[in-house]
Amino acid sequence: MSNLDSIKERVSVAEDFARKIWLAGLGAYGKSYDEVQERVENLDVSKVFEDLVNKGEALEAEAKTKIKEKTDFDIKGRVEEVREKLGMNNKSNSEKIDDLSAKIEALAASIEKLSAK
């Protein structure tokens, strides 16, 4: 056997091996396809659809709840912020009137002392 014949034989063996690898991959794909096809044929589509609808409804309800909680929290925060800016959180009106009356009385007393001098 010549050197060239030896190389040709090796190439032929390599080609044969590569073809078998290709065929094994193709066979694996075909087997997987057949198994999936069988599962799809045995699948109760209406049951799967109902399950998906139920899951979607649950997710929608959860999302609405979270959005409402976040919105309510933001609204309460903004109301508190406005109340704070308007001075409505600090004291009641009667307390504010008492404070103002005390300040007016102190002012009147100061004016009286200055007038007396």
Protein backbone atom coordinates (compact mmCIF):
# COMPACT_ATOMS: atom_id res chain seq x y z
CA MET A 1 0.00 0.00 0.00
CA SER A 2 1.41 3.33 -0.98
CA ASN A 3 1.51 6.43 1.13
CA LEU A 4 -1.23 7.98 -1.03
CA ASP A 5 -3.48 4.94 -0.59
CA SER A 6 -2.94 5.13 3.18
CA ILE A 7 -3.97 8.80 3.21
CA LYS A 8 -7.05 8.06 1.06
CA GLU A 9 -8.07 5.25 3.39
CA ARG A 10 -7.71 7.52 6.44
CA VAL A 11 -9.75 10.25 4.73
CA SER A 12 -12.40 7.67 3.85
CA VAL A 13 -12.54 6.44 7.46
CA ALA A 14 -12.76 10.05 8.70
CA GLU A 15 -15.53 10.85 6.20
CA ASP A 16 -17.42 7.73 7.25
CA PHE A 17 -17.05 8.65 10.93
CA ALA A 18 -18.15 12.28 10.28
CA ARG A 19 -21.19 10.99 8.36
CA LYS A 20 -22.11 8.71 11.28
CA ILE A 21 -21.84 11.67 13.67
CA TRP A 22 -24.09 13.68 11.36
CA LEU A 23 -26.60 10.82 11.14
CA ALA A 24 -26.58 10.36 14.95
CA GLY A 25 -27.36 14.08 15.40
CA LEU A 26 -30.08 13.89 12.76
CA GLY A 27 -31.51 10.79 14.44
CA ALA A 28 -31.52 12.55 17.86
CA TYR A 29 -33.38 15.49 16.31
CA GLY A 30 -35.91 13.16 14.68
CA LYS A 31 -36.45 11.23 17.91
CA SER A 32 -36.99 14.45 19.88
CA TYR A 33 -39.39 15.71 17.23
CA ASP A 34 -41.39 12.48 17.38
CA GLU A 35 -41.61 12.65 21.19
CA VAL A 36 -42.79 16.26 21.12
CA GLN A 37 -45.28 15.44 18.38
CA GLU A 38 -46.67 12.60 20.51
CA ARG A 39 -46.98 14.85 23.56
CA VAL A 40 -48.77 17.53 21.53
CA GLU A 41 -51.21 14.98 20.15
CA ASN A 42 -52.01 13.76 23.67
CA LEU A 43 -52.31 17.28 25.06
CA ASP A 44 -55.70 18.55 26.25
CA VAL A 45 -55.55 21.99 24.63
CA SER A 46 -58.65 23.33 26.37
CA LYS A 47 -57.21 22.35 29.78
CA VAL A 48 -53.91 24.05 29.00
CA PHE A 49 -55.77 27.15 27.80
CA GLU A 50 -57.88 27.28 30.97
CA ASP A 51 -54.76 26.87 33.12
CA LEU A 52 -53.10 29.75 31.28
CA VAL A 53 -56.20 31.94 31.65
CA ASN A 54 -56.36 31.18 35.39
CA LYS A 55 -52.67 31.98 35.81
CA GLY A 56 -53.15 35.21 33.86
CA GLU A 57 -56.08 36.22 36.06
CA ALA A 58 -54.06 35.56 39.21
CA LEU A 59 -51.14 37.62 37.91
CA GLU A 60 -53.46 40.44 36.84
CA ALA A 61 -55.11 40.55 40.29
CA GLU A 62 -51.72 40.56 42.00
CA ALA A 63 -50.48 43.37 39.76
CA LYS A 64 -53.63 45.44 40.38
CA THR A 65 -53.24 44.99 44.13
CA LYS A 66 -49.61 46.07 44.06
CA ILE A 67 -50.39 49.07 41.85
CA LYS A 68 -53.26 50.11 44.16
CA GLU A 69 -51.04 49.78 47.25
CA LYS A 70 -48.32 51.87 45.62
CA THR A 71 -50.80 54.48 44.40
CA ASP A 72 -52.50 54.70 47.81
CA PHE A 73 -49.12 55.05 49.51
CA ASP A 74 -48.06 57.81 47.08
CA ILE A 75 -51.37 59.67 47.51
CA LYS A 76 -51.14 59.50 51.31
CA GLY A 77 -47.58 60.77 51.12
CA ARG A 78 -48.55 63.69 48.93
CA VAL A 79 -51.54 64.58 51.11
CA GLU A 80 -49.25 64.59 54.16
CA GLU A 81 -46.77 66.75 52.28
CA VAL A 82 -49.46 69.30 51.36
CA ARG A 83 -50.84 69.27 54.92
CA GLU A 84 -47.33 69.89 56.22
CA LYS A 85 -46.77 72.79 53.83
CA LEU A 86 -50.09 74.31 54.84
CA GLY A 87 -49.27 73.84 58.52
CA MET A 88 -52.22 71.57 59.08
CA ASN A 89 -50.27 68.78 60.77
CA ASN A 90 -48.72 70.74 63.59
CA LYS A 91 -51.45 72.13 65.78
CA SER A 92 -55.18 72.31 65.97
CA ASN A 93 -56.91 75.60 65.22
CA SER A 94 -57.68 76.21 68.89
CA GLU A 95 -53.99 75.73 69.74
CA LYS A 96 -53.03 78.18 66.99
CA ILE A 97 -55.57 80.72 68.31
CA ASP A 98 -54.20 80.31 71.85
CA ASP A 99 -50.63 80.87 70.58
CA LEU A 100 -51.67 83.95 68.62
CA SER A 101 -53.59 85.34 71.62
CA ALA A 102 -50.54 84.87 73.83
CA LYS A 103 -48.36 86.65 71.27
CA ILE A 104 -50.86 89.53 70.99
CA GLU A 105 -50.98 89.86 74.78
CA ALA A 106 -47.18 89.87 74.98
CA LEU A 107 -47.03 92.46 72.20
CA ALA A 108 -49.65 94.62 73.92
CA ALA A 109 -47.69 94.42 77.18
CA SER A 110 -44.50 95.46 75.40
CA ILE A 111 -46.28 98.41 73.79
CA GLU A 112 -47.71 99.45 77.14
CA LYS A 113 -44.24 99.41 78.72
CA LEU A 114 -42.82 101.49 75.87
CA SER A 115 -45.69 103.99 76.14
CA ALA A 116 -45.16 104.34 79.86
CA LYS A 117 -41.57 105.48 79.41
